[in-house]
Amino acid sequence: MADKPGKYAVALAAVHQPEQPAQIALPVKPEPPRGKRSTVGWRAKQVLLKEESIQRATQRLKRRNDRTDFSDLMQALLEAWLKSGEIIDSLFPSPSIWSFNS
């Protein structure tokens, strides 16, 4: 009698068989564009600027139609200032001559 499978043998074999997951082909999504915040080498820095200057600069950047954003402008200006050396430094008074107590 042990040689004959029982009446539940087929059902038990199906239960113990691991179910194969359905193979679904998902579309390959392109990597989302990374912003400067998540790009190595960039760091957020808060600065105080006049509202009118920001508005005029933003309008001018929009007219360029080349996707240049405000941080690109600030980076270009900072790099130009760093490369210029003392030429632009003469436009700004030294902090030692500022007088806050007069």
N, C-alpha and C. Protein backbone atom coordinates (compact mmCIF):
# COMPACT_ATOMS: atom_id res chain seq x y z
N MET A 1 0.78 -1.18 0.00
CA MET A 1 0.00 0.00 0.00
C MET A 1 0.83 1.26 0.00
N ALA A 2 2.03 1.19 0.49
CA ALA A 2 2.88 2.36 0.56
C ALA A 2 3.35 2.81 -0.81
N ASP A 3 3.28 1.89 -1.79
CA ASP A 3 3.74 2.23 -3.14
C ASP A 3 2.74 3.12 -3.89
N LYS A 4 1.50 3.12 -3.48
CA LYS A 4 0.48 3.89 -4.16
C LYS A 4 0.41 5.30 -3.57
N PRO A 5 0.41 6.34 -4.42
CA PRO A 5 0.22 7.68 -3.87
C PRO A 5 -1.21 7.83 -3.35
N GLY A 6 -1.33 8.62 -2.32
CA GLY A 6 -2.65 8.85 -1.74
C GLY A 6 -3.47 9.79 -2.60
N LYS A 7 -4.72 9.91 -2.23
CA LYS A 7 -5.60 10.73 -3.05
C LYS A 7 -5.26 12.23 -2.96
N TYR A 8 -4.50 12.62 -1.95
CA TYR A 8 -4.12 14.03 -1.80
C TYR A 8 -2.68 14.31 -2.26
N ALA A 9 -2.02 13.34 -2.81
CA ALA A 9 -0.61 13.47 -3.19
C ALA A 9 -0.40 14.58 -4.23
N VAL A 10 -1.26 14.67 -5.20
CA VAL A 10 -1.13 15.69 -6.25
C VAL A 10 -1.32 17.08 -5.65
N ALA A 11 -2.31 17.22 -4.78
CA ALA A 11 -2.57 18.51 -4.15
C ALA A 11 -1.42 18.92 -3.24
N LEU A 12 -0.89 17.98 -2.46
CA LEU A 12 0.25 18.29 -1.58
C LEU A 12 1.50 18.64 -2.38
N ALA A 13 1.73 17.97 -3.49
CA ALA A 13 2.89 18.27 -4.33
C ALA A 13 2.78 19.68 -4.89
N ALA A 14 1.58 20.10 -5.25
CA ALA A 14 1.38 21.45 -5.79
C ALA A 14 1.62 22.50 -4.72
N VAL A 15 1.23 22.20 -3.47
CA VAL A 15 1.42 23.15 -2.38
C VAL A 15 2.90 23.32 -2.07
N HIS A 16 3.66 22.25 -2.14
CA HIS A 16 5.08 22.31 -1.80
C HIS A 16 5.96 22.82 -2.94
N GLN A 17 5.40 22.95 -4.10
CA GLN A 17 6.16 23.49 -5.24
C GLN A 17 6.21 25.02 -5.12
N PRO A 18 7.38 25.63 -5.14
CA PRO A 18 7.43 27.10 -5.10
C PRO A 18 6.83 27.66 -6.38
N GLU A 19 6.02 28.67 -6.20
CA GLU A 19 5.37 29.30 -7.35
C GLU A 19 6.36 30.20 -8.07
N GLN A 20 6.42 30.10 -9.36
CA GLN A 20 7.31 30.92 -10.16
C GLN A 20 6.66 32.28 -10.37
N PRO A 21 7.37 33.36 -10.06
CA PRO A 21 6.78 34.68 -10.30
C PRO A 21 6.61 34.93 -11.80
N ALA A 22 5.59 35.64 -12.11
CA ALA A 22 5.33 35.97 -13.51
C ALA A 22 6.43 36.90 -14.01
N GLN A 23 6.90 36.65 -15.19
CA GLN A 23 7.93 37.49 -15.80
C GLN A 23 7.25 38.66 -16.51
N ILE A 24 7.47 39.84 -15.96
CA ILE A 24 6.87 41.04 -16.53
C ILE A 24 8.00 41.92 -17.05
N ALA A 25 7.93 42.28 -18.29
CA ALA A 25 8.96 43.14 -18.88
C ALA A 25 8.59 44.59 -18.59
N LEU A 26 9.37 45.22 -17.73
CA LEU A 26 9.14 46.63 -17.41
C LEU A 26 9.96 47.51 -18.33
N PRO A 27 9.44 48.65 -18.71
CA PRO A 27 10.22 49.55 -19.56
C PRO A 27 11.41 50.10 -18.77
N VAL A 28 12.50 50.30 -19.45
CA VAL A 28 13.69 50.86 -18.82
C VAL A 28 13.50 52.37 -18.73
N LYS A 29 13.53 52.87 -17.49
CA LYS A 29 13.35 54.31 -17.28
C LYS A 29 14.71 54.98 -17.34
N PRO A 30 14.80 56.08 -18.05
CA PRO A 30 16.07 56.80 -18.04
C PRO A 30 16.31 57.40 -16.66
N GLU A 31 17.57 57.53 -16.32
CA GLU A 31 17.91 58.12 -15.02
C GLU A 31 17.43 59.56 -14.97
N PRO A 32 16.78 59.95 -13.87
CA PRO A 32 16.29 61.33 -13.80
C PRO A 32 17.48 62.30 -13.79
N PRO A 33 17.28 63.47 -14.36
CA PRO A 33 18.37 64.43 -14.37
C PRO A 33 18.72 64.82 -12.94
N ARG A 34 20.00 64.89 -12.68
CA ARG A 34 20.46 65.24 -11.35
C ARG A 34 20.58 66.75 -11.23
N GLY A 35 20.19 67.25 -10.12
CA GLY A 35 20.32 68.67 -9.85
C GLY A 35 21.66 68.96 -9.21
N LYS A 36 21.96 70.21 -9.04
CA LYS A 36 23.24 70.60 -8.45
C LYS A 36 23.33 70.15 -7.00
N ARG A 37 22.19 70.09 -6.30
CA ARG A 37 22.22 69.68 -4.90
C ARG A 37 22.76 68.28 -4.71
N SER A 38 22.51 67.39 -5.68
CA SER A 38 22.96 66.01 -5.55
C SER A 38 24.24 65.75 -6.34
N THR A 39 24.82 66.77 -6.94
CA THR A 39 26.04 66.61 -7.71
C THR A 39 27.25 66.89 -6.82
N VAL A 40 28.20 65.98 -6.86
CA VAL A 40 29.41 66.15 -6.07
C VAL A 40 30.14 67.42 -6.52
N GLY A 41 30.64 68.18 -5.57
CA GLY A 41 31.39 69.38 -5.90
C GLY A 41 30.56 70.66 -5.80
N TRP A 42 29.28 70.54 -5.57
CA TRP A 42 28.41 71.70 -5.42
C TRP A 42 27.90 71.73 -3.99
N ARG A 43 27.77 72.92 -3.43
CA ARG A 43 27.27 73.08 -2.07
C ARG A 43 26.34 74.28 -2.04
N ALA A 44 25.24 74.13 -1.32
CA ALA A 44 24.30 75.24 -1.21
C ALA A 44 24.88 76.33 -0.32
N LYS A 45 24.68 77.57 -0.71
CA LYS A 45 25.16 78.72 0.06
C LYS A 45 24.09 79.79 -0.02
N GLN A 46 23.68 80.28 1.12
CA GLN A 46 22.64 81.31 1.14
C GLN A 46 23.29 82.68 1.14
N VAL A 47 22.77 83.56 0.29
CA VAL A 47 23.27 84.93 0.22
C VAL A 47 22.09 85.89 0.25
N LEU A 48 22.34 87.11 0.65
CA LEU A 48 21.31 88.13 0.65
C LEU A 48 21.57 89.08 -0.52
N LEU A 49 20.57 89.22 -1.37
CA LEU A 49 20.66 90.09 -2.54
C LEU A 49 19.40 90.94 -2.61
N LYS A 50 19.52 92.08 -3.26
CA LYS A 50 18.35 92.94 -3.42
C LYS A 50 17.33 92.28 -4.35
N GLU A 51 16.04 92.40 -3.99
CA GLU A 51 14.97 91.79 -4.78
C GLU A 51 14.98 92.27 -6.22
N GLU A 52 15.16 93.58 -6.40
CA GLU A 52 15.15 94.14 -7.76
C GLU A 52 16.28 93.54 -8.61
N SER A 53 17.44 93.37 -8.02
CA SER A 53 18.56 92.79 -8.75
C SER A 53 18.27 91.35 -9.15
N ILE A 54 17.67 90.60 -8.24
CA ILE A 54 17.34 89.20 -8.53
C ILE A 54 16.31 89.12 -9.65
N GLN A 55 15.28 89.97 -9.59
CA GLN A 55 14.23 89.97 -10.62
C GLN A 55 14.81 90.32 -11.99
N ARG A 56 15.64 91.36 -12.04
CA ARG A 56 16.23 91.78 -13.33
C ARG A 56 17.14 90.69 -13.88
N ALA A 57 17.93 90.08 -13.01
CA ALA A 57 18.84 89.02 -13.46
C ALA A 57 18.06 87.81 -13.95
N THR A 58 17.00 87.45 -13.24
CA THR A 58 16.18 86.30 -13.63
C THR A 58 15.52 86.55 -14.98
N GLN A 59 15.00 87.76 -15.19
CA GLN A 59 14.39 88.09 -16.48
C GLN A 59 15.42 88.01 -17.61
N ARG A 60 16.60 88.52 -17.34
CA ARG A 60 17.65 88.50 -18.37
C ARG A 60 18.08 87.07 -18.69
N LEU A 61 18.14 86.22 -17.67
CA LEU A 61 18.49 84.82 -17.89
C LEU A 61 17.41 84.11 -18.72
N LYS A 62 16.15 84.42 -18.47
CA LYS A 62 15.06 83.81 -19.23
C LYS A 62 15.12 84.21 -20.69
N ARG A 63 15.50 85.45 -20.96
CA ARG A 63 15.60 85.92 -22.34
C ARG A 63 16.70 85.20 -23.11
N ARG A 64 17.69 84.68 -22.41
CA ARG A 64 18.79 83.98 -23.08
C ARG A 64 18.34 82.66 -23.70
N ASN A 65 17.31 82.03 -23.13
CA ASN A 65 16.79 80.75 -23.64
C ASN A 65 17.86 79.67 -23.77
N ASP A 66 18.80 79.62 -22.84
CA ASP A 66 19.83 78.57 -22.92
C ASP A 66 19.92 77.74 -21.63
N ARG A 67 18.87 77.79 -20.81
CA ARG A 67 18.77 77.02 -19.58
C ARG A 67 19.79 77.41 -18.52
N THR A 68 20.41 78.55 -18.66
CA THR A 68 21.31 79.06 -17.62
C THR A 68 20.44 79.49 -16.45
N ASP A 69 20.78 78.99 -15.25
CA ASP A 69 19.98 79.39 -14.10
C ASP A 69 20.76 80.37 -13.22
N PHE A 70 20.12 80.83 -12.17
CA PHE A 70 20.70 81.86 -11.32
C PHE A 70 21.99 81.37 -10.67
N SER A 71 22.04 80.10 -10.27
CA SER A 71 23.27 79.60 -9.65
C SER A 71 24.42 79.53 -10.65
N ASP A 72 24.12 79.25 -11.92
CA ASP A 72 25.16 79.29 -12.96
C ASP A 72 25.74 80.69 -13.09
N LEU A 73 24.86 81.70 -13.04
CA LEU A 73 25.30 83.09 -13.12
C LEU A 73 26.19 83.43 -11.92
N MET A 74 25.74 83.07 -10.73
CA MET A 74 26.52 83.37 -9.52
C MET A 74 27.88 82.67 -9.56
N GLN A 75 27.90 81.41 -10.04
CA GLN A 75 29.16 80.67 -10.14
C GLN A 75 30.11 81.34 -11.13
N ALA A 76 29.59 81.77 -12.27
CA ALA A 76 30.43 82.44 -13.28
C ALA A 76 31.00 83.75 -12.73
N LEU A 77 30.16 84.52 -12.04
CA LEU A 77 30.63 85.78 -11.47
C LEU A 77 31.68 85.55 -10.39
N LEU A 78 31.47 84.55 -9.55
CA LEU A 78 32.45 84.24 -8.50
C LEU A 78 33.78 83.79 -9.09
N GLU A 79 33.72 82.93 -10.10
CA GLU A 79 34.97 82.49 -10.74
C GLU A 79 35.69 83.64 -11.42
N ALA A 80 34.95 84.54 -12.07
CA ALA A 80 35.57 85.71 -12.71
C ALA A 80 36.24 86.59 -11.66
N TRP A 81 35.58 86.77 -10.52
CA TRP A 81 36.15 87.58 -9.44
C TRP A 81 37.42 86.93 -8.89
N LEU A 82 37.40 85.61 -8.72
CA LEU A 82 38.58 84.92 -8.19
C LEU A 82 39.75 84.98 -9.16
N LYS A 83 39.48 84.93 -10.47
CA LYS A 83 40.54 84.99 -11.48
C LYS A 83 41.09 86.40 -11.66
N SER A 84 40.28 87.41 -11.36
CA SER A 84 40.67 88.79 -11.65
C SER A 84 41.73 89.32 -10.70
N GLY A 85 41.83 88.74 -9.52
CA GLY A 85 42.82 89.22 -8.57
C GLY A 85 42.46 90.57 -8.01
N GLU A 86 43.40 91.51 -8.04
CA GLU A 86 43.23 92.79 -7.37
C GLU A 86 42.44 93.80 -8.19
N ILE A 87 42.20 93.55 -9.45
CA ILE A 87 41.50 94.54 -10.29
C ILE A 87 40.13 94.85 -9.71
N ILE A 88 39.36 93.82 -9.41
CA ILE A 88 38.01 94.04 -8.88
C ILE A 88 38.08 94.35 -7.39
N ASP A 89 39.09 93.85 -6.69
CA ASP A 89 39.21 94.12 -5.25
C ASP A 89 39.26 95.62 -4.97
N SER A 90 39.78 96.41 -5.89
CA SER A 90 39.87 97.85 -5.66
C SER A 90 38.50 98.52 -5.66
N LEU A 91 37.48 97.83 -6.21
CA LEU A 91 36.14 98.40 -6.23
C LEU A 91 35.46 98.32 -4.86
N PHE A 92 35.92 97.40 -4.03
CA PHE A 92 35.30 97.21 -2.72
C PHE A 92 36.24 97.71 -1.63
N PRO A 93 35.73 98.54 -0.73
CA PRO A 93 36.59 99.04 0.35
C PRO A 93 36.97 97.91 1.29
N SER A 94 38.15 98.02 1.85
CA SER A 94 38.61 97.04 2.82
C SER A 94 37.76 97.10 4.07
N PRO A 95 37.43 95.96 4.68
CA PRO A 95 36.62 95.98 5.91
C PRO A 95 37.28 96.79 7.03
N SER A 96 38.59 96.95 7.01
CA SER A 96 39.26 97.68 8.07
C SER A 96 38.92 99.17 8.03
N ILE A 97 38.45 99.70 6.88
CA ILE A 97 38.12 101.12 6.81
C ILE A 97 36.64 101.37 7.02
N TRP A 98 35.85 100.31 7.16
CA TRP A 98 34.43 100.49 7.44
C TRP A 98 34.28 101.00 8.85
N SER A 99 33.41 101.92 9.02
CA SER A 99 33.19 102.49 10.34
C SER A 99 31.75 102.27 10.76
N PHE A 100 31.56 101.44 11.77
CA PHE A 100 30.22 101.16 12.24
C PHE A 100 29.86 101.97 13.47
N ASN A 101 30.84 102.60 14.10
CA ASN A 101 30.60 103.33 15.35
C ASN A 101 30.56 104.83 15.15
N SER A 102 30.61 105.34 13.94
CA SER A 102 30.64 106.78 13.79
C SER A 102 29.28 107.39 13.73
